[in-house]
C-alpha atoms as a PDB file:
ATOM      1  CA  MET A   1     148.415 -15.804 188.007  1.00  0.00           C
ATOM      2  CA  LYS A   2     147.214 -17.299 190.840  1.00  0.00           C
ATOM      3  CA  TYR A   3     147.645 -20.610 189.728  1.00  0.00           C
ATOM      4  CA  LEU A   4     151.153 -19.499 188.896  1.00  0.00           C
ATOM      5  CA  ILE A   5     151.352 -18.847 192.350  1.00  0.00           C
ATOM      6  CA  ALA A   6     150.172 -21.854 193.922  1.00  0.00           C
ATOM      7  CA  ALA A   7     152.367 -24.052 191.697  1.00  0.00           C
ATOM      8  CA  PHE A   8     155.772 -22.120 192.945  1.00  0.00           C
ATOM      9  CA  PHE A   9     154.261 -22.294 196.515  1.00  0.00           C
ATOM     10  CA  LEU A  10     154.240 -26.179 196.168  1.00  0.00           C
ATOM     11  CA  LEU A  11     157.563 -26.887 194.569  1.00  0.00           C
ATOM     12  CA  PHE A  12     159.487 -24.770 197.461  1.00  0.00           C
ATOM     13  CA  THR A  13     156.931 -26.822 200.239  1.00  0.00           C
ATOM     14  CA  GLN A  14     156.903 -30.318 199.268  1.00  0.00           C
ATOM     15  CA  PRO A  15     159.729 -32.580 199.176  1.00  0.00           C
ATOM     16  CA  LEU A  16     162.652 -32.316 196.884  1.00  0.00           C
ATOM     17  CA  TYR A  17     160.789 -33.919 194.025  1.00  0.00           C
ATOM     18  CA  GLY A  18     158.748 -35.871 196.089  1.00  0.00           C
ATOM     19  CA  GLN A  19     161.652 -38.172 196.536  1.00  0.00           C
ATOM     20  CA  THR A  20     162.963 -39.644 200.116  1.00  0.00           C
ATOM     21  CA  TYR A  21     166.596 -39.719 200.002  1.00  0.00           C
ATOM     22  CA  HIS A  22     168.814 -42.820 201.520  1.00  0.00           C
ATOM     23  CA  PHE A  23     172.247 -42.514 202.743  1.00  0.00           C
ATOM     24  CA  VAL A  24     173.794 -44.538 204.935  1.00  0.00           C
ATOM     25  CA  SER A  25     176.144 -43.885 208.157  1.00  0.00           C
ATOM     26  CA  ILE A  26     178.987 -46.276 210.214  1.00  0.00           C
ATOM     27  CA  ASN A  27     176.989 -47.845 213.014  1.00  0.00           C
ATOM     28  CA  TYR A  28     178.141 -47.950 216.402  1.00  0.00           C
ATOM     29  CA  LEU A  29     180.064 -44.698 216.385  1.00  0.00           C
ATOM     30  CA  ILE A  30     179.451 -41.869 218.419  1.00  0.00           C
ATOM     31  CA  GLU A  31     180.425 -39.256 215.861  1.00  0.00           C
ATOM     32  CA  GLN A  32     178.306 -40.985 213.626  1.00  0.00           C
ATOM     33  CA  GLU A  33     175.109 -41.010 216.267  1.00  0.00           C
ATOM     34  CA  VAL A  34     175.842 -37.233 216.472  1.00  0.00           C
ATOM     35  CA  GLY A  35     175.811 -36.547 212.342  1.00  0.00           C
ATOM     36  CA  ARG A  36     172.518 -38.491 212.527  1.00  0.00           C
ATOM     37  CA  ILE A  37     170.751 -36.139 214.282  1.00  0.00           C
ATOM     38  CA  VAL A  38     172.350 -32.913 212.387  1.00  0.00           C
ATOM     39  CA  LEU A  39     172.383 -33.775 209.194  1.00  0.00           C
ATOM     40  CA  THR A  40     168.622 -35.311 209.028  1.00  0.00           C
ATOM     41  CA  GLU A  41     168.105 -31.140 210.586  1.00  0.00           C
ATOM     42  CA  VAL A  42     169.818 -29.909 207.280  1.00  0.00           C
ATOM     43  CA  TYR A  43     167.925 -31.599 204.941  1.00  0.00           C
ATOM     44  CA  LYS A  44     164.725 -30.855 207.074  1.00  0.00           C
ATOM     45  CA  GLN A  45     165.154 -27.296 206.741  1.00  0.00           C
ATOM     46  CA  LEU A  46     165.969 -27.868 202.985  1.00  0.00           C
ATOM     47  CA  ASN A  47     162.233 -29.587 203.546  1.00  0.00           C
ATOM     48  CA  ILE A  48     163.873 -32.723 201.748  1.00  0.00           C
ATOM     49  CA  GLN A  49     163.211 -36.233 203.477  1.00  0.00           C
ATOM     50  CA  ILE A  50     165.982 -38.592 204.427  1.00  0.00           C
ATOM     51  CA  THR A  51     166.683 -41.748 205.897  1.00  0.00           C
ATOM     52  CA  ILE A  52     170.057 -42.927 207.307  1.00  0.00           C
ATOM     53  CA  THR A  53     170.960 -46.506 207.815  1.00  0.00           C
ATOM     54  CA  PRO A  54     173.800 -47.301 210.091  1.00  0.00           C
ATOM     55  CA  LEU A  55     175.934 -49.871 208.365  1.00  0.00           C
ATOM     56  CA  PRO A  56     179.440 -51.888 208.825  1.00  0.00           C
ATOM     57  CA  GLY A  57     182.372 -49.015 207.351  1.00  0.00           C
ATOM     58  CA  LYS A  58     183.325 -51.078 204.241  1.00  0.00           C
ATOM     59  CA  ARG A  59     179.184 -52.144 203.252  1.00  0.00           C
ATOM     60  CA  ALA A  60     178.449 -48.643 203.835  1.00  0.00           C
ATOM     61  CA  GLN A  61     181.149 -47.439 201.442  1.00  0.00           C
ATOM     62  CA  PHE A  62     179.868 -49.939 199.045  1.00  0.00           C
ATOM     63  CA  GLU A  63     176.391 -48.822 199.304  1.00  0.00           C
ATOM     64  CA  ALA A  64     177.294 -45.140 198.700  1.00  0.00           C
ATOM     65  CA  GLN A  65     179.708 -46.132 196.132  1.00  0.00           C
ATOM     66  CA  THR A  66     177.346 -48.135 193.730  1.00  0.00           C
ATOM     67  CA  GLY A  67     174.644 -45.713 194.089  1.00  0.00           C
ATOM     68  CA  LEU A  68     172.256 -48.381 195.900  1.00  0.00           C
ATOM     69  CA  LYS A  69     172.406 -45.326 198.350  1.00  0.00           C
ATOM     70  CA  HIS A  70     172.213 -42.198 197.981  1.00  0.00           C
ATOM     71  CA  GLY A  71     175.765 -41.449 199.806  1.00  0.00           C
ATOM     72  CA  GLU A  72     177.421 -41.232 202.977  1.00  0.00           C
ATOM     73  CA  ILE A  73     176.782 -38.894 206.321  1.00  0.00           C
ATOM     74  CA  MET A  74     180.313 -38.198 207.544  1.00  0.00           C
ATOM     75  CA  ARG A  75     183.726 -39.099 206.362  1.00  0.00           C
ATOM     76  CA  ILE A  76     186.810 -37.582 206.121  1.00  0.00           C
ATOM     77  CA  PHE A  77     188.498 -35.537 203.266  1.00  0.00           C
ATOM     78  CA  SER A  78     190.410 -38.247 202.019  1.00  0.00           C
ATOM     79  CA  TYR A  79     187.281 -40.766 201.540  1.00  0.00           C
ATOM     80  CA  GLY A  80     186.259 -38.573 198.731  1.00  0.00           C
ATOM     81  CA  ASP A  81     189.571 -39.600 196.751  1.00  0.00           C
ATOM     82  CA  GLU A  82     188.933 -43.018 197.817  1.00  0.00           C
ATOM     83  CA  THR A  83     185.323 -43.203 196.336  1.00  0.00           C
ATOM     84  CA  PRO A  84     185.189 -40.977 193.026  1.00  0.00           C
ATOM     85  CA  THR A  85     181.841 -42.038 192.370  1.00  0.00           C
ATOM     86  CA  THR A  86     180.487 -39.494 195.027  1.00  0.00           C
ATOM     87  CA  ILE A  87     180.626 -35.671 195.536  1.00  0.00           C
ATOM     88  CA  ARG A  88     181.864 -34.356 198.558  1.00  0.00           C
ATOM     89  CA  VAL A  89     179.776 -31.718 200.082  1.00  0.00           C
ATOM     90  CA  PRO A  90     182.586 -28.816 200.566  1.00  0.00           C
ATOM     91  CA  THR A  91     181.540 -27.394 203.978  1.00  0.00           C
ATOM     92  CA  PRO A  92     182.684 -29.423 206.836  1.00  0.00           C
ATOM     93  CA  TYR A  93     180.007 -29.920 209.207  1.00  0.00           C
ATOM     94  CA  TYR A  94     182.133 -31.854 212.768  1.00  0.00           C
ATOM     95  CA  SER A  95     184.955 -32.999 213.058  1.00  0.00           C
ATOM     96  CA  LEU A  96     187.193 -36.174 215.251  1.00  0.00           C
ATOM     97  CA  GLU A  97     190.494 -37.142 216.996  1.00  0.00           C
ATOM     98  CA  THR A  98     192.305 -39.875 216.054  1.00  0.00           C
ATOM     99  CA  ALA A  99     193.101 -40.839 219.889  1.00  0.00           C
ATOM    100  CA  VAL A 100     195.053 -43.610 221.383  1.00  0.00           C
ATOM    101  CA  PHE A 101     193.798 -45.774 224.131  1.00  0.00           C
ATOM    102  CA  VAL A 102     195.777 -47.702 226.983  1.00  0.00           C
ATOM    103  CA  ARG A 103     196.260 -49.221 230.004  1.00  0.00           C
ATOM    104  CA  THR A 104     197.139 -47.635 232.581  1.00  0.00           C
ATOM    105  CA  ASP A 105     199.263 -49.903 234.106  1.00  0.00           C
ATOM    106  CA  SER A 106     201.242 -49.978 230.851  1.00  0.00           C
ATOM    107  CA  ASN A 107     204.408 -48.847 229.304  1.00  0.00           C
ATOM    108  CA  VAL A 108     203.129 -47.980 225.913  1.00  0.00           C
ATOM    109  CA  ASN A 109     204.517 -44.292 225.107  1.00  0.00           C
ATOM    110  CA  ILE A 110     203.081 -42.939 222.113  1.00  0.00           C
ATOM    111  CA  LYS A 111     203.861 -39.598 221.373  1.00  0.00           C
ATOM    112  CA  THR A 112     203.286 -39.632 217.453  1.00  0.00           C
ATOM    113  CA  ALA A 113     201.743 -41.744 214.733  1.00  0.00           C
ATOM    114  CA  ALA A 114     205.260 -43.381 214.046  1.00  0.00           C
ATOM    115  CA  ASP A 115     205.207 -44.427 217.373  1.00  0.00           C
ATOM    116  CA  LEU A 116     202.108 -46.797 216.962  1.00  0.00           C
ATOM    117  CA  HIS A 117     204.469 -49.428 214.769  1.00  0.00           C
ATOM    118  CA  LYS A 118     205.951 -50.899 217.948  1.00  0.00           C
ATOM    119  CA  TYR A 119     202.610 -51.970 219.668  1.00  0.00           C
ATOM    120  CA  HIS A 120     199.782 -54.070 218.938  1.00  0.00           C
ATOM    121  CA  ILE A 121     197.403 -51.944 217.812  1.00  0.00           C
ATOM    122  CA  VAL A 122     193.339 -52.906 217.571  1.00  0.00           C
ATOM    123  CA  LYS A 123     190.615 -50.484 215.631  1.00  0.00           C
ATOM    124  CA  VAL A 124     187.098 -50.537 214.148  1.00  0.00           C
ATOM    125  CA  ARG A 125     187.369 -52.078 210.979  1.00  0.00           C
ATOM    126  CA  GLY A 126     186.548 -49.828 207.685  1.00  0.00           C
ATOM    127  CA  VAL A 127     187.146 -46.784 209.477  1.00  0.00           C
ATOM    128  CA  LYS A 128     189.319 -44.480 207.634  1.00  0.00           C
ATOM    129  CA  HIS A 129     190.863 -42.157 209.989  1.00  0.00           C
ATOM    130  CA  THR A 130     192.446 -44.806 211.830  1.00  0.00           C
ATOM    131  CA  ASN A 131     193.092 -46.923 208.399  1.00  0.00           C
ATOM    132  CA  ASN A 132     194.735 -43.956 207.316  1.00  0.00           C
ATOM    133  CA  ILE A 133     197.112 -43.680 210.411  1.00  0.00           C
ATOM    134  CA  THR A 134     197.956 -47.363 210.258  1.00  0.00           C
ATOM    135  CA  GLN A 135     198.762 -47.992 207.177  1.00  0.00           C
ATOM    136  CA  GLY A 136     201.817 -50.462 206.601  1.00  0.00           C
ATOM    137  CA  MET A 137     201.905 -50.956 210.260  1.00  0.00           C
ATOM    138  CA  LYS A 138     202.142 -54.964 210.894  1.00  0.00           C
ATOM    139  CA  HIS A 139     200.215 -55.304 214.237  1.00  0.00           C
ATOM    140  CA  VAL A 140     197.259 -53.779 213.122  1.00  0.00           C
ATOM    141  CA  GLU A 141     193.745 -55.962 214.249  1.00  0.00           C
ATOM    142  CA  ASP A 142     190.471 -55.189 213.343  1.00  0.00           C
ATOM    143  CA  MET A 143     187.502 -55.394 215.158  1.00  0.00           C
ATOM    144  CA  ASP A 144     183.283 -54.824 214.487  1.00  0.00           C
ATOM    145  CA  THR A 145     182.662 -52.281 217.617  1.00  0.00           C
ATOM    146  CA  THR A 146     184.661 -49.802 219.853  1.00  0.00           C
ATOM    147  CA  GLU A 147     183.287 -51.752 222.847  1.00  0.00           C
ATOM    148  CA  GLN A 148     185.877 -54.787 221.212  1.00  0.00           C
ATOM    149  CA  ILE A 149     188.584 -52.752 220.975  1.00  0.00           C
ATOM    150  CA  LEU A 150     188.375 -51.185 224.258  1.00  0.00           C
ATOM    151  CA  LYS A 151     187.774 -54.587 226.255  1.00  0.00           C
ATOM    152  CA  LEU A 152     190.725 -56.383 224.158  1.00  0.00           C
ATOM    153  CA  VAL A 153     193.059 -53.229 225.906  1.00  0.00           C
ATOM    154  CA  SER A 154     191.443 -53.630 229.393  1.00  0.00           C
ATOM    155  CA  LYS A 155     192.046 -57.304 229.522  1.00  0.00           C
ATOM    156  CA  GLY A 156     195.796 -56.813 228.389  1.00  0.00           C
ATOM    157  CA  LEU A 157     194.919 -58.329 224.934  1.00  0.00           C
ATOM    158  CA  ALA A 158     196.348 -55.842 222.748  1.00  0.00           C
ATOM    159  CA  ASP A 159     198.104 -52.407 223.571  1.00  0.00           C
ATOM    160  CA  VAL A 160     196.639 -49.765 222.119  1.00  0.00           C
ATOM    161  CA  ALA A 161     192.943 -49.034 220.846  1.00  0.00           C
ATOM    162  CA  LEU A 162     192.401 -46.693 218.400  1.00  0.00           C
ATOM    163  CA  THR A 163     189.305 -44.827 217.720  1.00  0.00           C
ATOM    164  CA  ASN A 164     188.091 -40.966 217.714  1.00  0.00           C
ATOM    165  CA  LYS A 165     188.526 -39.597 221.003  1.00  0.00           C
ATOM    166  CA  MET A 166     184.817 -38.766 222.370  1.00  0.00           C
ATOM    167  CA  ASP A 167     184.175 -42.411 220.561  1.00  0.00           C
ATOM    168  CA  GLY A 168     186.089 -43.676 222.987  1.00  0.00           C
ATOM    169  CA  VAL A 169     185.547 -41.703 226.393  1.00  0.00           C
ATOM    170  CA  MET A 170     182.126 -42.432 225.600  1.00  0.00           C
ATOM    171  CA  TYR A 171     182.488 -46.265 225.424  1.00  0.00           C
ATOM    172  CA  LEU A 172     184.541 -46.172 228.474  1.00  0.00           C
ATOM    173  CA  LYS A 173     182.056 -44.345 230.761  1.00  0.00           C
ATOM    174  CA  LYS A 174     179.264 -46.742 229.601  1.00  0.00           C
ATOM    175  CA  LEU A 175     181.476 -50.041 229.983  1.00  0.00           C
ATOM    176  CA  GLY A 176     182.669 -48.979 233.440  1.00  0.00           C
ATOM    177  CA  ILE A 177     186.252 -49.800 231.976  1.00  0.00           C
ATOM    178  CA  ASN A 178     188.379 -47.746 234.624  1.00  0.00           C
ATOM    179  CA  ASN A 179     192.058 -49.296 233.765  1.00  0.00           C
ATOM    180  CA  VAL A 180     191.972 -47.564 230.445  1.00  0.00           C
ATOM    181  CA  VAL A 181     192.498 -43.825 229.827  1.00  0.00           C
ATOM    182  CA  HIS A 182     193.103 -42.186 226.429  1.00  0.00           C
ATOM    183  CA  GLY A 183     196.499 -40.549 225.641  1.00  0.00           C
ATOM    184  CA  PRO A 184     197.580 -37.831 223.042  1.00  0.00           C
ATOM    185  CA  SER A 185     195.810 -37.137 220.026  1.00  0.00           C
ATOM    186  CA  LEU A 186     197.354 -37.991 216.764  1.00  0.00           C
ATOM    187  CA  ALA A 187     194.635 -35.989 214.066  1.00  0.00           C
ATOM    188  CA  GLU A 188     192.155 -33.706 213.840  1.00  0.00           C
ATOM    189  CA  LEU A 189     190.474 -34.443 211.225  1.00  0.00           C
ATOM    190  CA  ASP A 190     187.144 -32.136 209.568  1.00  0.00           C
ATOM    191  CA  LEU A 191     183.898 -34.375 209.009  1.00  0.00           C
ATOM    192  CA  TYR A 192     182.044 -34.093 205.362  1.00  0.00           C
ATOM    193  CA  HIS A 193     179.122 -35.157 204.090  1.00  0.00           C
ATOM    194  CA  TYR A 194     179.172 -37.054 200.750  1.00  0.00           C
ATOM    195  CA  ILE A 195     176.725 -37.500 198.061  1.00  0.00           C
ATOM    196  CA  HIS A 196     176.599 -39.885 195.255  1.00  0.00           C
ATOM    197  CA  GLU A 197     177.157 -38.246 191.966  1.00  0.00           C
ATOM    198  CA  SER A 198     173.467 -39.248 190.606  1.00  0.00           C
ATOM    199  CA  GLN A 199     172.699 -36.985 193.018  1.00  0.00           C
ATOM    200  CA  LYS A 200     174.639 -34.184 192.230  1.00  0.00           C
ATOM    201  CA  HIS A 201     171.670 -31.826 192.343  1.00  0.00           C
ATOM    202  CA  LEU A 202     171.830 -31.696 196.127  1.00  0.00           C
ATOM    203  CA  VAL A 203     175.244 -30.864 196.707  1.00  0.00           C
ATOM    204  CA  PRO A 204     175.009 -26.710 196.110  1.00  0.00           C
ATOM    205  CA  LEU A 205     171.473 -27.021 198.345  1.00  0.00           C
ATOM    206  CA  VAL A 206     173.073 -28.749 201.269  1.00  0.00           C
ATOM    207  CA  ASN A 207     176.518 -27.264 201.235  1.00  0.00           C
ATOM    208  CA  GLY A 208     174.341 -23.571 201.004  1.00  0.00           C
ATOM    209  CA  LYS A 209     172.417 -24.813 204.157  1.00  0.00           C
ATOM    210  CA  LEU A 210     175.578 -26.034 205.962  1.00  0.00           C
ATOM    211  CA  SER A 211     177.318 -22.616 205.158  1.00  0.00           C
ATOM    212  CA  GLU A 212     174.158 -20.569 206.350  1.00  0.00           C
ATOM    213  CA  MET A 213     174.107 -22.446 209.496  1.00  0.00           C
ATOM    214  CA  GLU A 214     177.524 -22.249 210.183  1.00  0.00           C
ATOM    215  CA  LYS A 215     177.739 -18.509 209.973  1.00  0.00           C
ATOM    216  CA  SER A 216     174.793 -18.007 212.124  1.00  0.00           C
ATOM    217  CA  GLY A 217     175.735 -20.082 215.044  1.00  0.00           C
ATOM    218  CA  GLU A 218     172.917 -22.290 214.706  1.00  0.00           C
ATOM    219  CA  LEU A 219     175.005 -25.183 213.329  1.00  0.00           C
ATOM    220  CA  GLU A 220     177.437 -25.220 216.511  1.00  0.00           C
ATOM    221  CA  ARG A 221     174.162 -25.038 218.807  1.00  0.00           C
ATOM    222  CA  LEU A 222     173.061 -27.968 216.983  1.00  0.00           C
ATOM    223  CA  ILE A 223     175.563 -29.872 217.151  1.00  0.00           C
ATOM    224  CA  LYS A 224     175.954 -29.360 221.199  1.00  0.00           C
ATOM    225  CA  MET A 225     172.297 -30.213 221.361  1.00  0.00           C
ATOM    226  CA  ALA A 226     173.008 -33.622 219.111  1.00  0.00           C
ATOM    227  CA  GLU A 227     176.055 -34.173 221.283  1.00  0.00           C
ATOM    228  CA  LYS A 228     174.068 -33.903 224.413  1.00  0.00           C
ATOM    229  CA  GLN A 229     171.620 -36.549 223.249  1.00  0.00           C
ATOM    230  CA  VAL A 230     173.795 -39.081 222.376  1.00  0.00           C
ATOM    231  CA  MET A 231     175.506 -38.919 225.521  1.00  0.00           C
ATOM    232  CA  THR A 232     172.131 -39.461 227.451  1.00  0.00           C
ATOM    233  CA  GLU A 233     171.034 -42.377 225.055  1.00  0.00           C
ATOM    234  CA  GLN A 234     174.384 -44.092 225.660  1.00  0.00           C
END
């Protein structure tokens, strides 16, 4: 009997199957940095070891959908429809706002997403929420980082930068840009963890832990801590 108890103890106190799971995130985005902290803690509480590699958005999606990595840490709902080889963990654990950033001396007037088509827009390549909101628009240019798109607007080389509100605000502060401000938020979207179908056994474990942490208030406390940490590091 004591051997059975010892085996049971080892099963539930060792990392799942002794394996480290490898996920990807999108590099240079503030919300993704928050997600890296939060999701690492979620898995830690499940006694599962993970690594997270930041990559450009399109590359991250490729690695997740092909199974080269075990999934992505944080994407919007529609990512699951576009990436059917991944499984969406049902409980969202963060959110973002698709926000407009413009020069303070510009005549740009945007109240809804439909107004965007009038302007030269810059956004970060491979980011789904800005891809979706600009779909079909002609004057849209992709850049590698939030820093680049804000600098273009600051210099008058583009009319509008589109990114997550928190991401844009943080980079404006970091870069010391004073002639660009955020306008209205055009959408607010939940963010989900996606796991490659080959590792589907992880989905109910992670979802259960997220749901438990959400109900207890621990998830909100963890997010606030992660946001504070990321802001301090910028």
